[in-house]
Amino acid sequence: MRKRYPDDQHDRIWFPWVNPTKWAALSTTNRVQNLDDDIYEAPSKVMQTAITPRNASMNIEFYWDSEPQPKDPTPGYIGILHFSELQLLPSNVVRQFYINLNGRL
């Protein structure tokens, strides 16, 4: 069987969600390795790409409203976030961020 996304052992389709007016794209050619026993196994090719705010004082925000379906009128979803550091940081620099869901930290 031919895979749609040969870089993903689970044959998931991955596509970028980018707002070029607010975010800048980052990428690396270095291999990004998953943690041992990672059941979600995001492919290295996917983890080699990222976004960053064009204005460093702004946030990256995602909004998504699910559409109810006839067989699933109140759909439930699980958000899974994958992170990798693509920029070489000086030894005295720490990257820190907060994640809010529905306005709550």
PDB file of N, CA and C in Angstrom:
ATOM      1  N   MET A   1       0.839  -1.182   0.000  1.00  0.00           N
ATOM      2  CA  MET A   1       0.000   0.000   0.000  1.00  0.00           C
ATOM      3  C   MET A   1       0.886   1.248   0.000  1.00  0.00           C
ATOM      4  N   ARG A   2       0.596   2.171  -0.874  1.00  0.00           N
ATOM      5  CA  ARG A   2       1.362   3.404  -0.990  1.00  0.00           C
ATOM      6  C   ARG A   2       0.930   4.365   0.111  1.00  0.00           C
ATOM      7  N   LYS A   3       1.914   4.916   0.800  1.00  0.00           N
ATOM      8  CA  LYS A   3       1.620   5.884   1.859  1.00  0.00           C
ATOM      9  C   LYS A   3       1.430   7.273   1.256  1.00  0.00           C
ATOM     10  N   ARG A   4       0.512   8.026   1.837  1.00  0.00           N
ATOM     11  CA  ARG A   4       0.314   9.413   1.424  1.00  0.00           C
ATOM     12  C   ARG A   4       1.434  10.289   1.947  1.00  0.00           C
ATOM     13  N   TYR A   5       1.924   9.981   3.139  1.00  0.00           N
ATOM     14  CA  TYR A   5       3.001  10.745   3.753  1.00  0.00           C
ATOM     15  C   TYR A   5       4.075   9.750   4.178  1.00  0.00           C
ATOM     16  N   PRO A   6       5.003   9.440   3.269  1.00  0.00           N
ATOM     17  CA  PRO A   6       5.969   8.372   3.546  1.00  0.00           C
ATOM     18  C   PRO A   6       6.911   8.636   4.725  1.00  0.00           C
ATOM     19  N   ASP A   7       7.048   9.896   5.157  1.00  0.00           N
ATOM     20  CA  ASP A   7       7.913  10.188   6.300  1.00  0.00           C
ATOM     21  C   ASP A   7       7.250   9.894   7.638  1.00  0.00           C
ATOM     22  N   ASP A   8       5.974   9.535   7.636  1.00  0.00           N
ATOM     23  CA  ASP A   8       5.237   9.258   8.866  1.00  0.00           C
ATOM     24  C   ASP A   8       4.846   7.789   8.892  1.00  0.00           C
ATOM     25  N   GLN A   9       5.354   7.061   9.864  1.00  0.00           N
ATOM     26  CA  GLN A   9       5.066   5.630   9.926  1.00  0.00           C
ATOM     27  C   GLN A   9       3.585   5.328  10.142  1.00  0.00           C
ATOM     28  N   HIS A  10       2.807   6.310  10.609  1.00  0.00           N
ATOM     29  CA  HIS A  10       1.365   6.125  10.791  1.00  0.00           C
ATOM     30  C   HIS A  10       0.563   6.680   9.616  1.00  0.00           C
ATOM     31  N   ASP A  11       1.267   7.144   8.577  1.00  0.00           N
ATOM     32  CA  ASP A  11       0.660   7.654   7.346  1.00  0.00           C
ATOM     33  C   ASP A  11      -0.296   8.817   7.590  1.00  0.00           C
ATOM     34  N   ARG A  12       0.069   9.688   8.516  1.00  0.00           N
ATOM     35  CA  ARG A  12      -0.738  10.885   8.765  1.00  0.00           C
ATOM     36  C   ARG A  12      -0.320  11.979   7.789  1.00  0.00           C
ATOM     37  N   ILE A  13      -1.278  12.792   7.404  1.00  0.00           N
ATOM     38  CA  ILE A  13      -1.002  13.936   6.552  1.00  0.00           C
ATOM     39  C   ILE A  13      -0.678  15.125   7.457  1.00  0.00           C
ATOM     40  N   TRP A  14       0.404  15.814   7.177  1.00  0.00           N
ATOM     41  CA  TRP A  14       0.815  16.976   7.956  1.00  0.00           C
ATOM     42  C   TRP A  14       0.848  18.174   7.015  1.00  0.00           C
ATOM     43  N   PHE A  15       0.302  19.295   7.464  1.00  0.00           N
ATOM     44  CA  PHE A  15       0.361  20.499   6.653  1.00  0.00           C
ATOM     45  C   PHE A  15       0.611  21.692   7.573  1.00  0.00           C
ATOM     46  N   PRO A  16       1.331  22.687   7.078  1.00  0.00           N
ATOM     47  CA  PRO A  16       1.634  23.846   7.931  1.00  0.00           C
ATOM     48  C   PRO A  16       0.412  24.725   8.131  1.00  0.00           C
ATOM     49  N   TRP A  17       0.299  25.269   9.310  1.00  0.00           N
ATOM     50  CA  TRP A  17      -0.747  26.221   9.641  1.00  0.00           C
ATOM     51  C   TRP A  17      -0.021  27.536   9.920  1.00  0.00           C
ATOM     52  N   VAL A  18       0.100  28.359   8.893  1.00  0.00           N
ATOM     53  CA  VAL A  18       0.949  29.540   8.985  1.00  0.00           C
ATOM     54  C   VAL A  18       0.163  30.787   8.601  1.00  0.00           C
ATOM     55  N   ASN A  19       0.327  31.823   9.378  1.00  0.00           N
ATOM     56  CA  ASN A  19      -0.219  33.133   9.076  1.00  0.00           C
ATOM     57  C   ASN A  19       0.983  34.033   8.741  1.00  0.00           C
ATOM     58  N   PRO A  20       1.342  34.170   7.455  1.00  0.00           N
ATOM     59  CA  PRO A  20       2.571  34.880   7.097  1.00  0.00           C
ATOM     60  C   PRO A  20       2.582  36.361   7.474  1.00  0.00           C
ATOM     61  N   THR A  21       1.428  36.950   7.742  1.00  0.00           N
ATOM     62  CA  THR A  21       1.416  38.351   8.163  1.00  0.00           C
ATOM     63  C   THR A  21       1.840  38.509   9.621  1.00  0.00           C
ATOM     64  N   LYS A  22       1.682  37.444  10.423  1.00  0.00           N
ATOM     65  CA  LYS A  22       2.011  37.520  11.849  1.00  0.00           C
ATOM     66  C   LYS A  22       3.190  36.638  12.250  1.00  0.00           C
ATOM     67  N   TRP A  23       3.457  35.581  11.510  1.00  0.00           N
ATOM     68  CA  TRP A  23       4.473  34.608  11.909  1.00  0.00           C
ATOM     69  C   TRP A  23       5.551  34.473  10.849  1.00  0.00           C
ATOM     70  N   ALA A  24       6.735  34.163  11.291  1.00  0.00           N
ATOM     71  CA  ALA A  24       7.842  33.842  10.394  1.00  0.00           C
ATOM     72  C   ALA A  24       8.099  32.340  10.503  1.00  0.00           C
ATOM     73  N   ALA A  25       8.411  31.728   9.383  1.00  0.00           N
ATOM     74  CA  ALA A  25       8.694  30.293   9.370  1.00  0.00           C
ATOM     75  C   ALA A  25      10.166  30.053   9.682  1.00  0.00           C
ATOM     76  N   LEU A  26      10.426  28.993  10.438  1.00  0.00           N
ATOM     77  CA  LEU A  26      11.783  28.550  10.755  1.00  0.00           C
ATOM     78  C   LEU A  26      11.927  27.112  10.300  1.00  0.00           C
ATOM     79  N   SER A  27      13.146  26.711   9.988  1.00  0.00           N
ATOM     80  CA  SER A  27      13.365  25.306   9.654  1.00  0.00           C
ATOM     81  C   SER A  27      14.825  24.954   9.886  1.00  0.00           C
ATOM     82  N   THR A  28      15.079  23.668   9.938  1.00  0.00           N
ATOM     83  CA  THR A  28      16.433  23.147  10.086  1.00  0.00           C
ATOM     84  C   THR A  28      16.553  21.902   9.216  1.00  0.00           C
ATOM     85  N   THR A  29      17.759  21.610   8.809  1.00  0.00           N
ATOM     86  CA  THR A  29      17.997  20.361   8.083  1.00  0.00           C
ATOM     87  C   THR A  29      18.507  19.285   9.042  1.00  0.00           C
ATOM     88  N   ASN A  30      18.772  19.681  10.299  1.00  0.00           N
ATOM     89  CA  ASN A  30      19.200  18.699  11.302  1.00  0.00           C
ATOM     90  C   ASN A  30      18.057  17.757  11.641  1.00  0.00           C
ATOM     91  N   ARG A  31      18.392  16.521  11.913  1.00  0.00           N
ATOM     92  CA  ARG A  31      17.373  15.541  12.301  1.00  0.00           C
ATOM     93  C   ARG A  31      16.842  15.890  13.685  1.00  0.00           C
ATOM     94  N   VAL A  32      15.537  15.845  13.843  1.00  0.00           N
ATOM     95  CA  VAL A  32      14.901  16.070  15.142  1.00  0.00           C
ATOM     96  C   VAL A  32      14.401  14.719  15.612  1.00  0.00           C
ATOM     97  N   GLN A  33      14.900  14.288  16.739  1.00  0.00           N
ATOM     98  CA  GLN A  33      14.618  12.940  17.238  1.00  0.00           C
ATOM     99  C   GLN A  33      13.505  12.959  18.263  1.00  0.00           C
ATOM    100  N   ASN A  34      12.616  11.977  18.168  1.00  0.00           N
ATOM    101  CA  ASN A  34      11.546  11.821  19.152  1.00  0.00           C
ATOM    102  C   ASN A  34      12.088  11.251  20.450  1.00  0.00           C
ATOM    103  N   LEU A  35      11.344  11.462  21.511  1.00  0.00           N
ATOM    104  CA  LEU A  35      11.660  10.833  22.785  1.00  0.00           C
ATOM    105  C   LEU A  35      11.380   9.342  22.694  1.00  0.00           C
ATOM    106  N   ASP A  36      12.073   8.573  23.472  1.00  0.00           N
ATOM    107  CA  ASP A  36      11.785   7.137  23.528  1.00  0.00           C
ATOM    108  C   ASP A  36      10.355   6.925  24.004  1.00  0.00           C
ATOM    109  N   ASP A  37       9.686   5.927  23.457  1.00  0.00           N
ATOM    110  CA  ASP A  37       8.322   5.559  23.840  1.00  0.00           C
ATOM    111  C   ASP A  37       7.301   6.667  23.592  1.00  0.00           C
ATOM    112  N   ASP A  38       7.549   7.533  22.607  1.00  0.00           N
ATOM    113  CA  ASP A  38       6.601   8.576  22.242  1.00  0.00           C
ATOM    114  C   ASP A  38       5.516   7.955  21.374  1.00  0.00           C
ATOM    115  N   ILE A  39       4.312   7.806  21.906  1.00  0.00           N
ATOM    116  CA  ILE A  39       3.256   7.114  21.168  1.00  0.00           C
ATOM    117  C   ILE A  39       2.717   7.944  20.002  1.00  0.00           C
ATOM    118  N   TYR A  40       2.963   9.262  20.008  1.00  0.00           N
ATOM    119  CA  TYR A  40       2.456  10.107  18.925  1.00  0.00           C
ATOM    120  C   TYR A  40       3.454  10.246  17.782  1.00  0.00           C
ATOM    121  N   GLU A  41       4.710  10.080  18.056  1.00  0.00           N
ATOM    122  CA  GLU A  41       5.778  10.016  17.054  1.00  0.00           C
ATOM    123  C   GLU A  41       5.620  11.008  15.911  1.00  0.00           C
ATOM    124  N   ALA A  42       5.746  12.283  16.209  1.00  0.00           N
ATOM    125  CA  ALA A  42       5.735  13.279  15.136  1.00  0.00           C
ATOM    126  C   ALA A  42       6.980  13.072  14.286  1.00  0.00           C
ATOM    127  N   PRO A  43       6.835  13.012  12.968  1.00  0.00           N
ATOM    128  CA  PRO A  43       7.987  12.759  12.104  1.00  0.00           C
ATOM    129  C   PRO A  43       9.043  13.860  12.198  1.00  0.00           C
ATOM    130  N   SER A  44      10.297  13.483  12.055  1.00  0.00           N
ATOM    131  CA  SER A  44      11.386  14.449  12.090  1.00  0.00           C
ATOM    132  C   SER A  44      11.180  15.540  11.046  1.00  0.00           C
ATOM    133  N   LYS A  45      10.691  15.193   9.857  1.00  0.00           N
ATOM    134  CA  LYS A  45      10.457  16.196   8.802  1.00  0.00           C
ATOM    135  C   LYS A  45       9.469  17.266   9.265  1.00  0.00           C
ATOM    136  N   VAL A  46       8.490  16.881  10.056  1.00  0.00           N
ATOM    137  CA  VAL A  46       7.519  17.841  10.582  1.00  0.00           C
ATOM    138  C   VAL A  46       8.170  18.674  11.677  1.00  0.00           C
ATOM    139  N   MET A  47       8.898  18.028  12.555  1.00  0.00           N
ATOM    140  CA  MET A  47       9.518  18.721  13.676  1.00  0.00           C
ATOM    141  C   MET A  47      10.679  19.619  13.248  1.00  0.00           C
ATOM    142  N   GLN A  48      11.102  19.519  12.001  1.00  0.00           N
ATOM    143  CA  GLN A  48      12.155  20.382  11.472  1.00  0.00           C
ATOM    144  C   GLN A  48      11.607  21.745  11.047  1.00  0.00           C
ATOM    145  N   THR A  49      10.321  21.949  11.203  1.00  0.00           N
ATOM    146  CA  THR A  49       9.700  23.217  10.822  1.00  0.00           C
ATOM    147  C   THR A  49       9.009  23.835  12.028  1.00  0.00           C
ATOM    148  N   ALA A  50       8.946  25.169  12.036  1.00  0.00           N
ATOM    149  CA  ALA A  50       8.331  25.866  13.167  1.00  0.00           C
ATOM    150  C   ALA A  50       7.908  27.260  12.724  1.00  0.00           C
ATOM    151  N   ILE A  51       7.249  27.963  13.629  1.00  0.00           N
ATOM    152  CA  ILE A  51       6.895  29.361  13.413  1.00  0.00           C
ATOM    153  C   ILE A  51       7.323  30.164  14.627  1.00  0.00           C
ATOM    154  N   THR A  52       7.494  31.448  14.421  1.00  0.00           N
ATOM    155  CA  THR A  52       7.808  32.374  15.503  1.00  0.00           C
ATOM    156  C   THR A  52       7.085  33.684  15.205  1.00  0.00           C
ATOM    157  N   PRO A  53       6.675  34.426  16.222  1.00  0.00           N
ATOM    158  CA  PRO A  53       6.003  35.697  15.947  1.00  0.00           C
ATOM    159  C   PRO A  53       6.952  36.663  15.237  1.00  0.00           C
ATOM    160  N   ARG A  54       6.446  37.398  14.258  1.00  0.00           N
ATOM    161  CA  ARG A  54       7.261  38.420  13.588  1.00  0.00           C
ATOM    162  C   ARG A  54       7.598  39.541  14.573  1.00  0.00           C
ATOM    163  N   ASN A  55       6.684  39.841  15.490  1.00  0.00           N
ATOM    164  CA  ASN A  55       6.896  40.822  16.540  1.00  0.00           C
ATOM    165  C   ASN A  55       7.132  40.031  17.826  1.00  0.00           C
ATOM    166  N   ALA A  56       8.328  40.123  18.389  1.00  0.00           N
ATOM    167  CA  ALA A  56       8.700  39.304  19.549  1.00  0.00           C
ATOM    168  C   ALA A  56       7.810  39.529  20.765  1.00  0.00           C
ATOM    169  N   SER A  57       7.105  40.646  20.831  1.00  0.00           N
ATOM    170  CA  SER A  57       6.240  40.891  21.988  1.00  0.00           C
ATOM    171  C   SER A  57       4.823  40.354  21.768  1.00  0.00           C
ATOM    172  N   MET A  58       4.567  39.772  20.618  1.00  0.00           N
ATOM    173  CA  MET A  58       3.236  39.226  20.328  1.00  0.00           C
ATOM    174  C   MET A  58       3.191  37.725  20.633  1.00  0.00           C
ATOM    175  N   ASN A  59       1.972  37.191  20.699  1.00  0.00           N
ATOM    176  CA  ASN A  59       1.757  35.770  20.960  1.00  0.00           C
ATOM    177  C   ASN A  59       1.446  35.034  19.671  1.00  0.00           C
ATOM    178  N   ILE A  60       1.610  33.736  19.713  1.00  0.00           N
ATOM    179  CA  ILE A  60       1.111  32.875  18.654  1.00  0.00           C
ATOM    180  C   ILE A  60      -0.223  32.350  19.157  1.00  0.00           C
ATOM    181  N   GLU A  61      -1.267  32.636  18.425  1.00  0.00           N
ATOM    182  CA  GLU A  61      -2.606  32.229  18.854  1.00  0.00           C
ATOM    183  C   GLU A  61      -3.267  31.396  17.773  1.00  0.00           C
ATOM    184  N   PHE A  62      -3.937  30.337  18.198  1.00  0.00           N
ATOM    185  CA  PHE A  62      -4.704  29.490  17.296  1.00  0.00           C
ATOM    186  C   PHE A  62      -6.151  29.501  17.758  1.00  0.00           C
ATOM    187  N   TYR A  63      -7.044  29.570  16.814  1.00  0.00           N
ATOM    188  CA  TYR A  63      -8.468  29.472  17.101  1.00  0.00           C
ATOM    189  C   TYR A  63      -9.040  28.392  16.205  1.00  0.00           C
ATOM    190  N   TRP A  64      -9.903  27.600  16.771  1.00  0.00           N
ATOM    191  CA  TRP A  64     -10.532  26.551  15.977  1.00  0.00           C
ATOM    192  C   TRP A  64     -11.875  26.208  16.587  1.00  0.00           C
ATOM    193  N   ASP A  65     -12.900  26.269  15.782  1.00  0.00           N
ATOM    194  CA  ASP A  65     -14.236  25.868  16.202  1.00  0.00           C
ATOM    195  C   ASP A  65     -14.585  24.589  15.463  1.00  0.00           C
ATOM    196  N   SER A  66     -14.898  23.557  16.209  1.00  0.00           N
ATOM    197  CA  SER A  66     -15.270  22.301  15.574  1.00  0.00           C
ATOM    198  C   SER A  66     -16.690  22.401  15.033  1.00  0.00           C
ATOM    199  N   GLU A  67     -16.916  21.732  13.936  1.00  0.00           N
ATOM    200  CA  GLU A  67     -18.242  21.707  13.329  1.00  0.00           C
ATOM    201  C   GLU A  67     -18.950  20.419  13.738  1.00  0.00           C
ATOM    202  N   PRO A  68     -20.086  20.515  14.426  1.00  0.00           N
ATOM    203  CA  PRO A  68     -20.827  19.297  14.773  1.00  0.00           C
ATOM    204  C   PRO A  68     -21.234  18.535  13.513  1.00  0.00           C
ATOM    205  N   GLN A  69     -21.213  17.223  13.595  1.00  0.00           N
ATOM    206  CA  GLN A  69     -21.600  16.349  12.496  1.00  0.00           C
ATOM    207  C   GLN A  69     -22.844  15.568  12.910  1.00  0.00           C
ATOM    208  N   PRO A  70     -23.632  15.079  11.953  1.00  0.00           N
ATOM    209  CA  PRO A  70     -24.863  14.347  12.306  1.00  0.00           C
ATOM    210  C   PRO A  70     -24.634  13.178  13.257  1.00  0.00           C
ATOM    211  N   LYS A  71     -23.527  12.443  13.089  1.00  0.00           N
ATOM    212  CA  LYS A  71     -23.260  11.295  13.956  1.00  0.00           C
ATOM    213  C   LYS A  71     -22.466  11.678  15.203  1.00  0.00           C
ATOM    214  N   ASP A  72     -22.017  12.925  15.287  1.00  0.00           N
ATOM    215  CA  ASP A  72     -21.220  13.385  16.414  1.00  0.00           C
ATOM    216  C   ASP A  72     -21.583  14.847  16.706  1.00  0.00           C
ATOM    217  N   PRO A  73     -22.768  15.088  17.298  1.00  0.00           N
ATOM    218  CA  PRO A  73     -23.240  16.469  17.477  1.00  0.00           C
ATOM    219  C   PRO A  73     -22.427  17.295  18.460  1.00  0.00           C
ATOM    220  N   THR A  74     -21.720  16.657  19.385  1.00  0.00           N
ATOM    221  CA  THR A  74     -20.879  17.392  20.328  1.00  0.00           C
ATOM    222  C   THR A  74     -19.486  16.775  20.334  1.00  0.00           C
ATOM    223  N   PRO A  75     -18.708  17.050  19.280  1.00  0.00           N
ATOM    224  CA  PRO A  75     -17.396  16.408  19.166  1.00  0.00           C
ATOM    225  C   PRO A  75     -16.452  16.830  20.282  1.00  0.00           C
ATOM    226  N   GLY A  76     -15.610  15.920  20.700  1.00  0.00           N
ATOM    227  CA  GLY A  76     -14.572  16.197  21.675  1.00  0.00           C
ATOM    228  C   GLY A  76     -13.223  16.026  21.010  1.00  0.00           C
ATOM    229  N   TYR A  77     -12.260  16.811  21.403  1.00  0.00           N
ATOM    230  CA  TYR A  77     -10.948  16.767  20.784  1.00  0.00           C
ATOM    231  C   TYR A  77      -9.877  16.837  21.851  1.00  0.00           C
ATOM    232  N   ILE A  78      -8.732  16.293  21.524  1.00  0.00           N
ATOM    233  CA  ILE A  78      -7.562  16.356  22.387  1.00  0.00           C
ATOM    234  C   ILE A  78      -6.505  17.148  21.636  1.00  0.00           C
ATOM    235  N   GLY A  79      -6.006  18.195  22.246  1.00  0.00           N
ATOM    236  CA  GLY A  79      -4.929  18.977  21.640  1.00  0.00           C
ATOM    237  C   GLY A  79      -3.593  18.355  21.994  1.00  0.00           C
ATOM    238  N   ILE A  80      -2.797  18.082  21.005  1.00  0.00           N
ATOM    239  CA  ILE A  80      -1.463  17.516  21.225  1.00  0.00           C
ATOM    240  C   ILE A  80      -0.457  18.508  20.660  1.00  0.00           C
ATOM    241  N   LEU A  81       0.435  18.987  21.492  1.00  0.00           N
ATOM    242  CA  LEU A  81       1.429  19.971  21.087  1.00  0.00           C
ATOM    243  C   LEU A  81       2.796  19.301  21.032  1.00  0.00           C
ATOM    244  N   HIS A  82       3.519  19.550  19.965  1.00  0.00           N
ATOM    245  CA  HIS A  82       4.877  19.027  19.807  1.00  0.00           C
ATOM    246  C   HIS A  82       5.834  20.213  19.785  1.00  0.00           C
ATOM    247  N   PHE A  83       6.941  20.119  20.504  1.00  0.00           N
ATOM    248  CA  PHE A  83       7.908  21.207  20.576  1.00  0.00           C
ATOM    249  C   PHE A  83       9.301  20.693  20.266  1.00  0.00           C
ATOM    250  N   SER A  84      10.047  21.491  19.545  1.00  0.00           N
ATOM    251  CA  SER A  84      11.476  21.216  19.352  1.00  0.00           C
ATOM    252  C   SER A  84      12.179  22.559  19.198  1.00  0.00           C
ATOM    253  N   GLU A  85      13.406  22.626  19.657  1.00  0.00           N
ATOM    254  CA  GLU A  85      14.194  23.854  19.551  1.00  0.00           C
ATOM    255  C   GLU A  85      14.975  23.799  18.252  1.00  0.00           C
ATOM    256  N   LEU A  86      14.725  24.747  17.354  1.00  0.00           N
ATOM    257  CA  LEU A  86      15.393  24.767  16.059  1.00  0.00           C
ATOM    258  C   LEU A  86      16.503  25.798  15.978  1.00  0.00           C
ATOM    259  N   GLN A  87      16.595  26.660  16.961  1.00  0.00           N
ATOM    260  CA  GLN A  87      17.625  27.690  16.968  1.00  0.00           C
ATOM    261  C   GLN A  87      18.657  27.385  18.040  1.00  0.00           C
ATOM    262  N   LEU A  88      19.914  27.557  17.680  1.00  0.00           N
ATOM    263  CA  LEU A  88      20.997  27.367  18.646  1.00  0.00           C
ATOM    264  C   LEU A  88      21.022  28.588  19.554  1.00  0.00           C
ATOM    265  N   LEU A  89      20.781  28.361  20.836  1.00  0.00           N
ATOM    266  CA  LEU A  89      20.727  29.454  21.806  1.00  0.00           C
ATOM    267  C   LEU A  89      22.048  29.558  22.560  1.00  0.00           C
ATOM    268  N   PRO A  90      22.453  30.758  22.943  1.00  0.00           N
ATOM    269  CA  PRO A  90      23.636  30.895  23.803  1.00  0.00           C
ATOM    270  C   PRO A  90      23.406  30.150  25.117  1.00  0.00           C
ATOM    271  N   SER A  91      24.471  29.731  25.752  1.00  0.00           N
ATOM    272  CA  SER A  91      24.359  28.904  26.962  1.00  0.00           C
ATOM    273  C   SER A  91      23.645  29.622  28.105  1.00  0.00           C
ATOM    274  N   ASN A  92      23.626  30.941  28.097  1.00  0.00           N
ATOM    275  CA  ASN A  92      22.975  31.678  29.190  1.00  0.00           C
ATOM    276  C   ASN A  92      21.538  32.078  28.853  1.00  0.00           C
ATOM    277  N   VAL A  93      20.986  31.557  27.768  1.00  0.00           N
ATOM    278  CA  VAL A  93      19.634  31.905  27.343  1.00  0.00           C
ATOM    279  C   VAL A  93      18.700  30.720  27.552  1.00  0.00           C
ATOM    280  N   VAL A  94      17.515  31.015  28.071  1.00  0.00           N
ATOM    281  CA  VAL A  94      16.500  29.994  28.293  1.00  0.00           C
ATOM    282  C   VAL A  94      15.253  30.400  27.523  1.00  0.00           C
ATOM    283  N   ARG A  95      14.675  29.452  26.791  1.00  0.00           N
ATOM    284  CA  ARG A  95      13.418  29.731  26.098  1.00  0.00           C
ATOM    285  C   ARG A  95      12.285  29.342  27.047  1.00  0.00           C
ATOM    286  N   GLN A  96      11.363  30.270  27.264  1.00  0.00           N
ATOM    287  CA  GLN A  96      10.247  30.032  28.176  1.00  0.00           C
ATOM    288  C   GLN A  96       8.971  30.494  27.497  1.00  0.00           C
ATOM    289  N   PHE A  97       7.902  29.754  27.706  1.00  0.00           N
ATOM    290  CA  PHE A  97       6.625  30.148  27.134  1.00  0.00           C
ATOM    291  C   PHE A  97       5.496  29.611  27.980  1.00  0.00           C
ATOM    292  N   TYR A  98       4.334  30.187  27.780  1.00  0.00           N
ATOM    293  CA  TYR A  98       3.131  29.770  28.492  1.00  0.00           C
ATOM    294  C   TYR A  98       2.117  29.292  27.474  1.00  0.00           C
ATOM    295  N   ILE A  99       1.304  28.342  27.873  1.00  0.00           N
ATOM    296  CA  ILE A  99       0.232  27.843  27.023  1.00  0.00           C
ATOM    297  C   ILE A  99      -1.081  28.123  27.739  1.00  0.00           C
ATOM    298  N   ASN A 100      -1.979  28.801  27.042  1.00  0.00           N
ATOM    299  CA  ASN A 100      -3.300  29.089  27.587  1.00  0.00           C
ATOM    300  C   ASN A 100      -4.344  28.377  26.739  1.00  0.00           C
ATOM    301  N   LEU A 101      -5.354  27.875  27.389  1.00  0.00           N
ATOM    302  CA  LEU A 101      -6.472  27.237  26.712  1.00  0.00           C
ATOM    303  C   LEU A 101      -7.749  27.908  27.202  1.00  0.00           C
ATOM    304  N   ASN A 102      -8.483  28.481  26.282  1.00  0.00           N
ATOM    305  CA  ASN A 102      -9.721  29.202  26.632  1.00  0.00           C
ATOM    306  C   ASN A 102      -9.468  30.268  27.696  1.00  0.00           C
ATOM    307  N   GLY A 103      -8.344  30.961  27.557  1.00  0.00           N
ATOM    308  CA  GLY A 103      -8.029  32.058  28.459  1.00  0.00           C
ATOM    309  C   GLY A 103      -7.454  31.641  29.791  1.00  0.00           C
ATOM    310  N   ARG A 104      -7.240  30.347  29.995  1.00  0.00           N
ATOM    311  CA  ARG A 104      -6.694  29.860  31.273  1.00  0.00           C
ATOM    312  C   ARG A 104      -5.303  29.293  31.058  1.00  0.00           C
ATOM    313  N   LEU A 105      -4.362  29.641  31.958  1.00  0.00           N
ATOM    314  CA  LEU A 105      -2.996  29.158  31.890  1.00  0.00           C
ATOM    315  C   LEU A 105      -2.954  27.656  32.107  1.00  0.00           C
TER     316      LEU A 105
END
